Amino acid sequence: MAENKKLVVVVTRGFDDERSSVAWSIANGAINSGLDVTMFLVSSGVDWVRKGAADGAHLNPFDPTMGEMVQNVIDAGSDILVCPPCSKVRGYADSDLIDEITITGSGAMHELIKQGAATLSF
């Protein structure tokens, strides 16, 4: 059986920009299309996985809530990686983030790219 194709979605924006909603929407669509999706959150993108932060956010009225889109990615078993310095500069400890999140450097993303993953950045 062939391995699923991989997609890495880099999210650089948080609550301040609708493009972050687009990133999570595209990630959900990719999962529904059978791609193995990994999210890599940098800069203010890390705010999406602070416990409770995305629950009430609804940047695009035509998309599900941000909390639903984040949870769908988690429920699909996709990895959500968070940049360590980006988390630290915001004062976030592991305990501040959703349990399924992994704080790790960009090397994890680079490994996926070396395996042929496509990348999208928002």
PDB file of N, CA and C in Angstrom:
ATOM      1  N   MET A   1       0.845  -1.185   0.000  1.00  0.00           N
ATOM      2  CA  MET A   1       0.000   0.000   0.000  1.00  0.00           C
ATOM      3  C   MET A   1       0.886   1.241   0.000  1.00  0.00           C
ATOM      4  N   ALA A   2       0.557   2.191  -0.838  1.00  0.00           N
ATOM      5  CA  ALA A   2       1.354   3.410  -0.950  1.00  0.00           C
ATOM      6  C   ALA A   2       1.127   4.311   0.264  1.00  0.00           C
ATOM      7  N   GLU A   3       2.184   4.987   0.665  1.00  0.00           N
ATOM      8  CA  GLU A   3       2.105   5.931   1.781  1.00  0.00           C
ATOM      9  C   GLU A   3       1.407   7.204   1.314  1.00  0.00           C
ATOM     10  N   ASN A   4       0.593   7.791   2.211  1.00  0.00           N
ATOM     11  CA  ASN A   4      -0.085   9.047   1.871  1.00  0.00           C
ATOM     12  C   ASN A   4       0.926  10.142   1.616  1.00  0.00           C
ATOM     13  N   LYS A   5       0.571  11.045   0.755  1.00  0.00           N
ATOM     14  CA  LYS A   5       1.407  12.225   0.519  1.00  0.00           C
ATOM     15  C   LYS A   5       1.313  13.135   1.726  1.00  0.00           C
ATOM     16  N   LYS A   6       2.404  13.867   1.963  1.00  0.00           N
ATOM     17  CA  LYS A   6       2.508  14.712   3.146  1.00  0.00           C
ATOM     18  C   LYS A   6       2.394  16.191   2.778  1.00  0.00           C
ATOM     19  N   LEU A   7       1.786  16.943   3.694  1.00  0.00           N
ATOM     20  CA  LEU A   7       1.668  18.387   3.554  1.00  0.00           C
ATOM     21  C   LEU A   7       2.029  19.023   4.889  1.00  0.00           C
ATOM     22  N   VAL A   8       2.922  20.002   4.832  1.00  0.00           N
ATOM     23  CA  VAL A   8       3.256  20.810   6.005  1.00  0.00           C
ATOM     24  C   VAL A   8       2.643  22.188   5.792  1.00  0.00           C
ATOM     25  N   VAL A   9       1.847  22.626   6.769  1.00  0.00           N
ATOM     26  CA  VAL A   9       1.235  23.953   6.723  1.00  0.00           C
ATOM     27  C   VAL A   9       1.898  24.793   7.813  1.00  0.00           C
ATOM     28  N   VAL A  10       2.555  25.864   7.396  1.00  0.00           N
ATOM     29  CA  VAL A  10       3.223  26.768   8.333  1.00  0.00           C
ATOM     30  C   VAL A  10       2.272  27.938   8.600  1.00  0.00           C
ATOM     31  N   VAL A  11       1.939  28.135   9.875  1.00  0.00           N
ATOM     32  CA  VAL A  11       1.014  29.200  10.260  1.00  0.00           C
ATOM     33  C   VAL A  11       1.808  30.269  11.006  1.00  0.00           C
ATOM     34  N   THR A  12       1.866  31.461  10.423  1.00  0.00           N
ATOM     35  CA  THR A  12       2.642  32.552  11.004  1.00  0.00           C
ATOM     36  C   THR A  12       1.758  33.619  11.640  1.00  0.00           C
ATOM     37  N   ARG A  13       0.448  33.513  11.448  1.00  0.00           N
ATOM     38  CA  ARG A  13      -0.465  34.559  11.895  1.00  0.00           C
ATOM     39  C   ARG A  13      -1.418  34.015  12.959  1.00  0.00           C
ATOM     40  N   GLY A  14      -1.869  34.909  13.810  1.00  0.00           N
ATOM     41  CA  GLY A  14      -2.795  34.539  14.869  1.00  0.00           C
ATOM     42  C   GLY A  14      -4.145  35.187  14.665  1.00  0.00           C
ATOM     43  N   PHE A  15      -4.690  35.687  15.762  1.00  0.00           N
ATOM     44  CA  PHE A  15      -6.027  36.268  15.770  1.00  0.00           C
ATOM     45  C   PHE A  15      -6.123  37.543  14.944  1.00  0.00           C
ATOM     46  N   ASP A  16      -4.993  38.112  14.587  1.00  0.00           N
ATOM     47  CA  ASP A  16      -4.957  39.398  13.902  1.00  0.00           C
ATOM     48  C   ASP A  16      -5.144  39.311  12.396  1.00  0.00           C
ATOM     49  N   ASP A  17      -5.269  38.099  11.845  1.00  0.00           N
ATOM     50  CA  ASP A  17      -5.246  37.992  10.393  1.00  0.00           C
ATOM     51  C   ASP A  17      -6.079  36.806   9.921  1.00  0.00           C
ATOM     52  N   GLU A  18      -6.991  37.061   9.011  1.00  0.00           N
ATOM     53  CA  GLU A  18      -7.865  36.018   8.482  1.00  0.00           C
ATOM     54  C   GLU A  18      -7.096  34.906   7.764  1.00  0.00           C
ATOM     55  N   ARG A  19      -5.870  35.202   7.339  1.00  0.00           N
ATOM     56  CA  ARG A  19      -5.087  34.153   6.660  1.00  0.00           C
ATOM     57  C   ARG A  19      -4.868  32.943   7.555  1.00  0.00           C
ATOM     58  N   SER A  20      -4.863  33.142   8.859  1.00  0.00           N
ATOM     59  CA  SER A  20      -4.705  31.989   9.744  1.00  0.00           C
ATOM     60  C   SER A  20      -5.919  31.073   9.650  1.00  0.00           C
ATOM     61  N   SER A  21      -7.104  31.639   9.475  1.00  0.00           N
ATOM     62  CA  SER A  21      -8.297  30.826   9.267  1.00  0.00           C
ATOM     63  C   SER A  21      -8.170  30.023   7.978  1.00  0.00           C
ATOM     64  N   VAL A  22      -7.639  30.657   6.953  1.00  0.00           N
ATOM     65  CA  VAL A  22      -7.431  29.973   5.674  1.00  0.00           C
ATOM     66  C   VAL A  22      -6.474  28.796   5.853  1.00  0.00           C
ATOM     67  N   ALA A  23      -5.417  29.000   6.624  1.00  0.00           N
ATOM     68  CA  ALA A  23      -4.443  27.927   6.863  1.00  0.00           C
ATOM     69  C   ALA A  23      -5.102  26.705   7.492  1.00  0.00           C
ATOM     70  N   TRP A  24      -5.891  26.927   8.547  1.00  0.00           N
ATOM     71  CA  TRP A  24      -6.558  25.805   9.225  1.00  0.00           C
ATOM     72  C   TRP A  24      -7.627  25.179   8.344  1.00  0.00           C
ATOM     73  N   SER A  25      -8.309  25.983   7.542  1.00  0.00           N
ATOM     74  CA  SER A  25      -9.318  25.465   6.620  1.00  0.00           C
ATOM     75  C   SER A  25      -8.671  24.578   5.557  1.00  0.00           C
ATOM     76  N   ILE A  26      -7.553  25.036   5.006  1.00  0.00           N
ATOM     77  CA  ILE A  26      -6.853  24.242   3.994  1.00  0.00           C
ATOM     78  C   ILE A  26      -6.297  22.956   4.606  1.00  0.00           C
ATOM     79  N   ALA A  27      -5.805  23.042   5.824  1.00  0.00           N
ATOM     80  CA  ALA A  27      -5.307  21.839   6.504  1.00  0.00           C
ATOM     81  C   ALA A  27      -6.431  20.820   6.680  1.00  0.00           C
ATOM     82  N   ASN A  28      -7.603  21.296   7.097  1.00  0.00           N
ATOM     83  CA  ASN A  28      -8.743  20.391   7.261  1.00  0.00           C
ATOM     84  C   ASN A  28      -9.146  19.769   5.928  1.00  0.00           C
ATOM     85  N   GLY A  29      -9.149  20.571   4.874  1.00  0.00           N
ATOM     86  CA  GLY A  29      -9.461  20.044   3.551  1.00  0.00           C
ATOM     87  C   GLY A  29      -8.458  19.006   3.086  1.00  0.00           C
ATOM     88  N   ALA A  30      -7.189  19.251   3.382  1.00  0.00           N
ATOM     89  CA  ALA A  30      -6.138  18.304   3.000  1.00  0.00           C
ATOM     90  C   ALA A  30      -6.316  16.974   3.728  1.00  0.00           C
ATOM     91  N   ILE A  31      -6.657  17.054   5.013  1.00  0.00           N
ATOM     92  CA  ILE A  31      -6.912  15.831   5.778  1.00  0.00           C
ATOM     93  C   ILE A  31      -8.076  15.067   5.156  1.00  0.00           C
ATOM     94  N   ASN A  32      -9.143  15.789   4.835  1.00  0.00           N
ATOM     95  CA  ASN A  32     -10.316  15.158   4.213  1.00  0.00           C
ATOM     96  C   ASN A  32     -10.000  14.572   2.844  1.00  0.00           C
ATOM     97  N   SER A  33      -8.937  15.072   2.199  1.00  0.00           N
ATOM     98  CA  SER A  33      -8.515  14.556   0.892  1.00  0.00           C
ATOM     99  C   SER A  33      -7.523  13.398   1.015  1.00  0.00           C
ATOM    100  N   GLY A  34      -7.188  13.024   2.247  1.00  0.00           N
ATOM    101  CA  GLY A  34      -6.304  11.883   2.456  1.00  0.00           C
ATOM    102  C   GLY A  34      -4.834  12.213   2.609  1.00  0.00           C
ATOM    103  N   LEU A  35      -4.484  13.507   2.709  1.00  0.00           N
ATOM    104  CA  LEU A  35      -3.086  13.873   2.923  1.00  0.00           C
ATOM    105  C   LEU A  35      -2.716  13.742   4.404  1.00  0.00           C
ATOM    106  N   ASP A  36      -1.470  13.409   4.667  1.00  0.00           N
ATOM    107  CA  ASP A  36      -0.924  13.447   6.020  1.00  0.00           C
ATOM    108  C   ASP A  36      -0.477  14.876   6.279  1.00  0.00           C
ATOM    109  N   VAL A  37      -1.135  15.551   7.198  1.00  0.00           N
ATOM    110  CA  VAL A  37      -0.902  16.968   7.448  1.00  0.00           C
ATOM    111  C   VAL A  37      -0.137  17.161   8.748  1.00  0.00           C
ATOM    112  N   THR A  38       0.848  18.042   8.688  1.00  0.00           N
ATOM    113  CA  THR A  38       1.556  18.511   9.875  1.00  0.00           C
ATOM    114  C   THR A  38       1.462  20.027   9.884  1.00  0.00           C
ATOM    115  N   MET A  39       1.073  20.576  11.013  1.00  0.00           N
ATOM    116  CA  MET A  39       1.020  22.025  11.179  1.00  0.00           C
ATOM    117  C   MET A  39       2.292  22.442  11.903  1.00  0.00           C
ATOM    118  N   PHE A  40       2.902  23.539  11.473  1.00  0.00           N
ATOM    119  CA  PHE A  40       4.055  24.110  12.172  1.00  0.00           C
ATOM    120  C   PHE A  40       3.707  25.553  12.478  1.00  0.00           C
ATOM    121  N   LEU A  41       3.543  25.865  13.766  1.00  0.00           N
ATOM    122  CA  LEU A  41       3.095  27.181  14.197  1.00  0.00           C
ATOM    123  C   LEU A  41       4.277  28.008  14.663  1.00  0.00           C
ATOM    124  N   VAL A  42       4.399  29.189  14.072  1.00  0.00           N
ATOM    125  CA  VAL A  42       5.476  30.115  14.404  1.00  0.00           C
ATOM    126  C   VAL A  42       4.877  31.497  14.649  1.00  0.00           C
ATOM    127  N   SER A  43       5.677  32.388  15.222  1.00  0.00           N
ATOM    128  CA  SER A  43       5.245  33.761  15.500  1.00  0.00           C
ATOM    129  C   SER A  43       3.901  33.722  16.229  1.00  0.00           C
ATOM    130  N   SER A  44       2.974  34.611  15.851  1.00  0.00           N
ATOM    131  CA  SER A  44       1.690  34.651  16.559  1.00  0.00           C
ATOM    132  C   SER A  44       0.796  33.457  16.230  1.00  0.00           C
ATOM    133  N   GLY A  45       1.209  32.612  15.293  1.00  0.00           N
ATOM    134  CA  GLY A  45       0.466  31.386  15.007  1.00  0.00           C
ATOM    135  C   GLY A  45       0.381  30.451  16.193  1.00  0.00           C
ATOM    136  N   VAL A  46       1.337  30.552  17.118  1.00  0.00           N
ATOM    137  CA  VAL A  46       1.316  29.681  18.293  1.00  0.00           C
ATOM    138  C   VAL A  46       0.141  29.992  19.210  1.00  0.00           C
ATOM    139  N   ASP A  47      -0.432  31.183  19.084  1.00  0.00           N
ATOM    140  CA  ASP A  47      -1.559  31.548  19.945  1.00  0.00           C
ATOM    141  C   ASP A  47      -2.762  30.627  19.761  1.00  0.00           C
ATOM    142  N   TRP A  48      -2.897  30.018  18.582  1.00  0.00           N
ATOM    143  CA  TRP A  48      -4.052  29.156  18.310  1.00  0.00           C
ATOM    144  C   TRP A  48      -4.117  27.932  19.193  1.00  0.00           C
ATOM    145  N   VAL A  49      -3.003  27.493  19.727  1.00  0.00           N
ATOM    146  CA  VAL A  49      -3.022  26.255  20.514  1.00  0.00           C
ATOM    147  C   VAL A  49      -2.837  26.493  22.014  1.00  0.00           C
ATOM    148  N   ARG A  50      -2.961  27.750  22.429  1.00  0.00           N
ATOM    149  CA  ARG A  50      -3.014  28.015  23.866  1.00  0.00           C
ATOM    150  C   ARG A  50      -4.382  27.537  24.337  1.00  0.00           C
ATOM    151  N   LYS A  51      -4.421  26.825  25.434  1.00  0.00           N
ATOM    152  CA  LYS A  51      -5.671  26.236  25.931  1.00  0.00           C
ATOM    153  C   LYS A  51      -6.778  27.284  25.972  1.00  0.00           C
ATOM    154  N   GLY A  52      -7.894  26.972  25.297  1.00  0.00           N
ATOM    155  CA  GLY A  52      -9.080  27.815  25.293  1.00  0.00           C
ATOM    156  C   GLY A  52      -9.038  29.004  24.349  1.00  0.00           C
ATOM    157  N   ALA A  53      -7.893  29.326  23.795  1.00  0.00           N
ATOM    158  CA  ALA A  53      -7.755  30.544  22.993  1.00  0.00           C
ATOM    159  C   ALA A  53      -8.608  30.528  21.729  1.00  0.00           C
ATOM    160  N   ALA A  54      -8.679  29.405  21.048  1.00  0.00           N
ATOM    161  CA  ALA A  54      -9.379  29.345  19.764  1.00  0.00           C
ATOM    162  C   ALA A  54     -10.865  29.043  19.908  1.00  0.00           C
ATOM    163  N   ASP A  55     -11.292  28.702  21.105  1.00  0.00           N
ATOM    164  CA  ASP A  55     -12.670  28.215  21.287  1.00  0.00           C
ATOM    165  C   ASP A  55     -13.726  29.173  20.761  1.00  0.00           C
ATOM    166  N   GLY A  56     -13.629  30.443  21.064  1.00  0.00           N
ATOM    167  CA  GLY A  56     -14.654  31.386  20.653  1.00  0.00           C
ATOM    168  C   GLY A  56     -14.330  32.167  19.394  1.00  0.00           C
ATOM    169  N   ALA A  57     -13.165  31.920  18.813  1.00  0.00           N
ATOM    170  CA  ALA A  57     -12.734  32.694  17.642  1.00  0.00           C
ATOM    171  C   ALA A  57     -13.433  32.199  16.380  1.00  0.00           C
ATOM    172  N   HIS A  58     -13.873  33.141  15.568  1.00  0.00           N
ATOM    173  CA  HIS A  58     -14.543  32.808  14.310  1.00  0.00           C
ATOM    174  C   HIS A  58     -14.177  33.886  13.294  1.00  0.00           C
ATOM    175  N   LEU A  59     -13.008  33.733  12.672  1.00  0.00           N
ATOM    176  CA  LEU A  59     -12.481  34.759  11.777  1.00  0.00           C
ATOM    177  C   LEU A  59     -13.228  34.861  10.461  1.00  0.00           C
ATOM    178  N   ASN A  60     -13.695  33.735   9.961  1.00  0.00           N
ATOM    179  CA  ASN A  60     -14.397  33.706   8.688  1.00  0.00           C
ATOM    180  C   ASN A  60     -15.768  33.079   8.925  1.00  0.00           C
ATOM    181  N   PRO A  61     -16.847  33.823   8.725  1.00  0.00           N
ATOM    182  CA  PRO A  61     -18.174  33.277   9.029  1.00  0.00           C
ATOM    183  C   PRO A  61     -18.581  32.082   8.161  1.00  0.00           C
ATOM    184  N   PHE A  62     -17.851  31.837   7.092  1.00  0.00           N
ATOM    185  CA  PHE A  62     -18.164  30.691   6.233  1.00  0.00           C
ATOM    186  C   PHE A  62     -17.400  29.432   6.631  1.00  0.00           C
ATOM    187  N   ASP A  63     -16.454  29.561   7.551  1.00  0.00           N
ATOM    188  CA  ASP A  63     -15.695  28.418   8.069  1.00  0.00           C
ATOM    189  C   ASP A  63     -16.261  28.008   9.416  1.00  0.00           C
ATOM    190  N   PRO A  64     -15.948  26.787   9.860  1.00  0.00           N
ATOM    191  CA  PRO A  64     -16.252  26.439  11.250  1.00  0.00           C
ATOM    192  C   PRO A  64     -15.470  27.371  12.183  1.00  0.00           C
ATOM    193  N   THR A  65     -15.754  27.319  13.466  1.00  0.00           N
ATOM    194  CA  THR A  65     -14.980  28.134  14.399  1.00  0.00           C
ATOM    195  C   THR A  65     -13.526  27.681  14.372  1.00  0.00           C
ATOM    196  N   MET A  66     -12.644  28.546  14.796  1.00  0.00           N
ATOM    197  CA  MET A  66     -11.225  28.194  14.837  1.00  0.00           C
ATOM    198  C   MET A  66     -10.996  27.010  15.774  1.00  0.00           C
ATOM    199  N   GLY A  67     -11.688  26.999  16.905  1.00  0.00           N
ATOM    200  CA  GLY A  67     -11.547  25.887  17.841  1.00  0.00           C
ATOM    201  C   GLY A  67     -11.916  24.554  17.207  1.00  0.00           C
ATOM    202  N   GLU A  68     -12.986  24.557  16.398  1.00  0.00           N
ATOM    203  CA  GLU A  68     -13.395  23.328  15.707  1.00  0.00           C
ATOM    204  C   GLU A  68     -12.343  22.894  14.695  1.00  0.00           C
ATOM    205  N   MET A  69     -11.791  23.858  13.966  1.00  0.00           N
ATOM    206  CA  MET A  69     -10.795  23.494  12.956  1.00  0.00           C
ATOM    207  C   MET A  69      -9.519  22.950  13.598  1.00  0.00           C
ATOM    208  N   VAL A  70      -9.079  23.565  14.693  1.00  0.00           N
ATOM    209  CA  VAL A  70      -7.905  23.059  15.406  1.00  0.00           C
ATOM    210  C   VAL A  70      -8.191  21.654  15.935  1.00  0.00           C
ATOM    211  N   GLN A  71      -9.361  21.467  16.545  1.00  0.00           N
ATOM    212  CA  GLN A  71      -9.704  20.156  17.101  1.00  0.00           C
ATOM    213  C   GLN A  71      -9.813  19.092  16.016  1.00  0.00           C
ATOM    214  N   ASN A  72     -10.332  19.450  14.838  1.00  0.00           N
ATOM    215  CA  ASN A  72     -10.405  18.492  13.729  1.00  0.00           C
ATOM    216  C   ASN A  72      -9.018  17.999  13.329  1.00  0.00           C
ATOM    217  N   VAL A  73      -8.048  18.900  13.312  1.00  0.00           N
ATOM    218  CA  VAL A  73      -6.678  18.507  12.975  1.00  0.00           C
ATOM    219  C   VAL A  73      -6.150  17.536  14.033  1.00  0.00           C
ATOM    220  N   ILE A  74      -6.401  17.837  15.282  1.00  0.00           N
ATOM    221  CA  ILE A  74      -5.963  16.961  16.368  1.00  0.00           C
ATOM    222  C   ILE A  74      -6.665  15.603  16.274  1.00  0.00           C
ATOM    223  N   ASP A  75      -7.982  15.620  16.088  1.00  0.00           N
ATOM    224  CA  ASP A  75      -8.754  14.382  16.027  1.00  0.00           C
ATOM    225  C   ASP A  75      -8.337  13.490  14.867  1.00  0.00           C
ATOM    226  N   ALA A  76      -7.812  14.101  13.798  1.00  0.00           N
ATOM    227  CA  ALA A  76      -7.348  13.326  12.638  1.00  0.00           C
ATOM    228  C   ALA A  76      -6.000  12.664  12.909  1.00  0.00           C
ATOM    229  N   GLY A  77      -5.399  12.977  14.049  1.00  0.00           N
ATOM    230  CA  GLY A  77      -4.090  12.403  14.366  1.00  0.00           C
ATOM    231  C   GLY A  77      -2.940  13.152  13.732  1.00  0.00           C
ATOM    232  N   SER A  78      -3.216  14.335  13.206  1.00  0.00           N
ATOM    233  CA  SER A  78      -2.152  15.136  12.598  1.00  0.00           C
ATOM    234  C   SER A  78      -1.290  15.759  13.683  1.00  0.00           C
ATOM    235  N   ASP A  79      -0.035  15.999  13.355  1.00  0.00           N
ATOM    236  CA  ASP A  79       0.877  16.632  14.299  1.00  0.00           C
ATOM    237  C   ASP A  79       0.738  18.146  14.214  1.00  0.00           C
ATOM    238  N   ILE A  80       0.755  18.777  15.383  1.00  0.00           N
ATOM    239  CA  ILE A  80       0.817  20.233  15.463  1.00  0.00           C
ATOM    240  C   ILE A  80       2.082  20.562  16.233  1.00  0.00           C
ATOM    241  N   LEU A  81       3.029  21.171  15.517  1.00  0.00           N
ATOM    242  CA  LEU A  81       4.340  21.499  16.072  1.00  0.00           C
ATOM    243  C   LEU A  81       4.407  22.989  16.353  1.00  0.00           C
ATOM    244  N   VAL A  82       5.044  23.339  17.468  1.00  0.00           N
ATOM    245  CA  VAL A  82       5.159  24.744  17.871  1.00  0.00           C
ATOM    246  C   VAL A  82       6.629  25.107  18.006  1.00  0.00           C
ATOM    247  N   CYS A  83       6.993  26.227  17.420  1.00  0.00           N
ATOM    248  CA  CYS A  83       8.346  26.766  17.481  1.00  0.00           C
ATOM    249  C   CYS A  83       8.695  27.107  18.935  1.00  0.00           C
ATOM    250  N   PRO A  84       9.792  26.543  19.478  1.00  0.00           N
ATOM    251  CA  PRO A  84      10.143  26.806  20.874  1.00  0.00           C
ATOM    252  C   PRO A  84      10.361  28.290  21.211  1.00  0.00           C
ATOM    253  N   PRO A  85      11.176  29.051  20.446  1.00  0.00           N
ATOM    254  CA  PRO A  85      11.362  30.450  20.806  1.00  0.00           C
ATOM    255  C   PRO A  85      10.074  31.270  20.694  1.00  0.00           C
ATOM    256  N   CYS A  86       9.219  30.921  19.719  1.00  0.00           N
ATOM    257  CA  CYS A  86       7.963  31.648  19.533  1.00  0.00           C
ATOM    258  C   CYS A  86       7.032  31.438  20.718  1.00  0.00           C
ATOM    259  N   SER A  87       7.049  30.243  21.267  1.00  0.00           N
ATOM    260  CA  SER A  87       6.255  29.940  22.448  1.00  0.00           C
ATOM    261  C   SER A  87       6.835  30.631  23.677  1.00  0.00           C
ATOM    262  N   LYS A  88       8.150  30.555  23.804  1.00  0.00           N
ATOM    263  CA  LYS A  88       8.823  31.113  24.975  1.00  0.00           C
ATOM    264  C   LYS A  88       8.669  32.636  25.063  1.00  0.00           C
ATOM    265  N   VAL A  89       8.782  33.329  23.926  1.00  0.00           N
ATOM    266  CA  VAL A  89       8.692  34.783  23.926  1.00  0.00           C
ATOM    267  C   VAL A  89       7.298  35.250  24.363  1.00  0.00           C
ATOM    268  N   ARG A  90       6.293  34.391  24.204  1.00  0.00           N
ATOM    269  CA  ARG A  90       4.935  34.706  24.625  1.00  0.00           C
ATOM    270  C   ARG A  90       4.669  34.253  26.056  1.00  0.00           C
ATOM    271  N   GLY A  91       5.675  33.650  26.671  1.00  0.00           N
ATOM    272  CA  GLY A  91       5.531  33.200  28.046  1.00  0.00           C
ATOM    273  C   GLY A  91       4.744  31.913  28.193  1.00  0.00           C
ATOM    274  N   TYR A  92       4.611  31.139  27.102  1.00  0.00           N
ATOM    275  CA  TYR A  92       3.849  29.898  27.153  1.00  0.00           C
ATOM    276  C   TYR A  92       4.739  28.741  27.598  1.00  0.00           C
ATOM    277  N   ALA A  93       4.279  28.021  28.584  1.00  0.00           N
ATOM    278  CA  ALA A  93       4.904  26.761  28.997  1.00  0.00           C
ATOM    279  C   ALA A  93       4.091  25.628  28.384  1.00  0.00           C
ATOM    280  N   ASP A  94       4.619  24.414  28.441  1.00  0.00           N
ATOM    281  CA  ASP A  94       3.874  23.260  27.929  1.00  0.00           C
ATOM    282  C   ASP A  94       2.463  23.207  28.505  1.00  0.00           C
ATOM    283  N   SER A  95       2.339  23.534  29.774  1.00  0.00           N
ATOM    284  CA  SER A  95       1.039  23.449  30.450  1.00  0.00           C
ATOM    285  C   SER A  95       0.033  24.475  29.938  1.00  0.00           C
ATOM    286  N   ASP A  96       0.480  25.497  29.234  1.00  0.00           N
ATOM    287  CA  ASP A  96      -0.419  26.510  28.666  1.00  0.00           C
ATOM    288  C   ASP A  96      -1.017  26.066  27.339  1.00  0.00           C
ATOM    289  N   LEU A  97      -0.431  25.051  26.740  1.00  0.00           N
ATOM    290  CA  LEU A  97      -0.832  24.626  25.400  1.00  0.00           C
ATOM    291  C   LEU A  97      -1.696  23.377  25.454  1.00  0.00           C
ATOM    292  N   ILE A  98      -2.499  23.195  24.411  1.00  0.00           N
ATOM    293  CA  ILE A  98      -3.325  21.998  24.271  1.00  0.00           C
ATOM    294  C   ILE A  98      -2.423  20.775  24.412  1.00  0.00           C
ATOM    295  N   ASP A  99      -2.921  19.748  25.071  1.00  0.00           N
ATOM    296  CA  ASP A  99      -2.103  18.579  25.410  1.00  0.00           C
ATOM    297  C   ASP A  99      -1.434  17.916  24.208  1.00  0.00           C
ATOM    298  N   GLU A 100      -2.081  17.888  23.059  1.00  0.00           N
ATOM    299  CA  GLU A 100      -1.548  17.157  21.897  1.00  0.00           C
ATOM    300  C   GLU A 100      -0.463  17.900  21.138  1.00  0.00           C
ATOM    301  N   ILE A 101      -0.065  19.058  21.606  1.00  0.00           N
ATOM    302  CA  ILE A 101       0.908  19.897  20.910  1.00  0.00           C
ATOM    303  C   ILE A 101       2.329  19.446  21.229  1.00  0.00           C
ATOM    304  N   THR A 102       3.214  19.564  20.234  1.00  0.00           N
ATOM    305  CA  THR A 102       4.628  19.254  20.430  1.00  0.00           C
ATOM    306  C   THR A 102       5.441  20.522  20.181  1.00  0.00           C
ATOM    307  N   ILE A 103       6.196  20.929  21.188  1.00  0.00           N
ATOM    308  CA  ILE A 103       7.115  22.054  21.013  1.00  0.00           C
ATOM    309  C   ILE A 103       8.420  21.467  20.487  1.00  0.00           C
ATOM    310  N   THR A 104       8.785  21.900  19.284  1.00  0.00           N
ATOM    311  CA  THR A 104       9.992  21.355  18.657  1.00  0.00           C
ATOM    312  C   THR A 104      10.521  22.338  17.618  1.00  0.00           C
ATOM    313  N   GLY A 105      11.775  22.234  17.341  1.00  0.00           N
ATOM    314  CA  GLY A 105      12.405  23.109  16.363  1.00  0.00           C
ATOM    315  C   GLY A 105      12.023  22.763  14.935  1.00  0.00           C
ATOM    316  N   SER A 106      12.467  23.589  14.035  1.00  0.00           N
ATOM    317  CA  SER A 106      12.109  23.431  12.629  1.00  0.00           C
ATOM    318  C   SER A 106      12.698  22.173  12.005  1.00  0.00           C
ATOM    319  N   GLY A 107      13.643  21.525  12.668  1.00  0.00           N
ATOM    320  CA  GLY A 107      14.224  20.285  12.139  1.00  0.00           C
ATOM    321  C   GLY A 107      13.182  19.218  11.880  1.00  0.00           C
ATOM    322  N   ALA A 108      12.143  19.169  12.723  1.00  0.00           N
ATOM    323  CA  ALA A 108      11.074  18.185  12.511  1.00  0.00           C
ATOM    324  C   ALA A 108      10.356  18.447  11.191  1.00  0.00           C
ATOM    325  N   MET A 109      10.140  19.715  10.879  1.00  0.00           N
ATOM    326  CA  MET A 109       9.511  20.083   9.620  1.00  0.00           C
ATOM    327  C   MET A 109      10.460  19.783   8.450  1.00  0.00           C
ATOM    328  N   HIS A 110      11.740  20.073   8.633  1.00  0.00           N
ATOM    329  CA  HIS A 110      12.722  19.819   7.568  1.00  0.00           C
ATOM    330  C   HIS A 110      12.778  18.339   7.214  1.00  0.00           C
ATOM    331  N   GLU A 111      12.649  17.467   8.213  1.00  0.00           N
ATOM    332  CA  GLU A 111      12.648  16.025   7.945  1.00  0.00           C
ATOM    333  C   GLU A 111      11.490  15.648   7.029  1.00  0.00           C
ATOM    334  N   LEU A 112      10.325  16.217   7.267  1.00  0.00           N
ATOM    335  CA  LEU A 112       9.173  15.937   6.417  1.00  0.00           C
ATOM    336  C   LEU A 112       9.399  16.442   4.995  1.00  0.00           C
ATOM    337  N   ILE A 113      10.010  17.600   4.875  1.00  0.00           N
ATOM    338  CA  ILE A 113      10.308  18.154   3.547  1.00  0.00           C
ATOM    339  C   ILE A 113      11.298  17.249   2.817  1.00  0.00           C
ATOM    340  N   LYS A 114      12.297  16.731   3.535  1.00  0.00           N
ATOM    341  CA  LYS A 114      13.257  15.818   2.917  1.00  0.00           C
ATOM    342  C   LYS A 114      12.585  14.546   2.448  1.00  0.00           C
ATOM    343  N   GLN A 115      11.463  14.189   3.091  1.00  0.00           N
ATOM    344  CA  GLN A 115      10.697  12.993   2.682  1.00  0.00           C
ATOM    345  C   GLN A 115       9.735  13.302   1.541  1.00  0.00           C
ATOM    346  N   GLY A 116       9.732  14.544   1.070  1.00  0.00           N
ATOM    347  CA  GLY A 116       8.903  14.898  -0.080  1.00  0.00           C
ATOM    348  C   GLY A 116       7.640  15.669   0.249  1.00  0.00           C
ATOM    349  N   ALA A 117       7.477  16.114   1.484  1.00  0.00           N
ATOM    350  CA  ALA A 117       6.272  16.859   1.844  1.00  0.00           C
ATOM    351  C   ALA A 117       6.188  18.168   1.082  1.00  0.00           C
ATOM    352  N   ALA A 118       4.996  18.488   0.654  1.00  0.00           N
ATOM    353  CA  ALA A 118       4.716  19.810   0.097  1.00  0.00           C
ATOM    354  C   ALA A 118       4.547  20.768   1.264  1.00  0.00           C
ATOM    355  N   THR A 119       4.769  22.057   1.030  1.00  0.00           N
ATOM    356  CA  THR A 119       4.615  23.044   2.092  1.00  0.00           C
ATOM    357  C   THR A 119       3.739  24.205   1.629  1.00  0.00           C
ATOM    358  N   LEU A 120       2.980  24.725   2.566  1.00  0.00           N
ATOM    359  CA  LEU A 120       2.204  25.944   2.359  1.00  0.00           C
ATOM    360  C   LEU A 120       2.443  26.833   3.567  1.00  0.00           C
ATOM    361  N   SER A 121       2.571  28.125   3.343  1.00  0.00           N
ATOM    362  CA  SER A 121       2.791  29.069   4.438  1.00  0.00           C
ATOM    363  C   SER A 121       1.730  30.151   4.431  1.00  0.00           C
ATOM    364  N   PHE A 122       1.259  30.463   5.618  1.00  0.00           N
ATOM    365  CA  PHE A 122       0.241  31.513   5.781  1.00  0.00           C
ATOM    366  C   PHE A 122       0.646  32.438   6.895  1.00  0.00           C
TER     367      PHE A 122
END
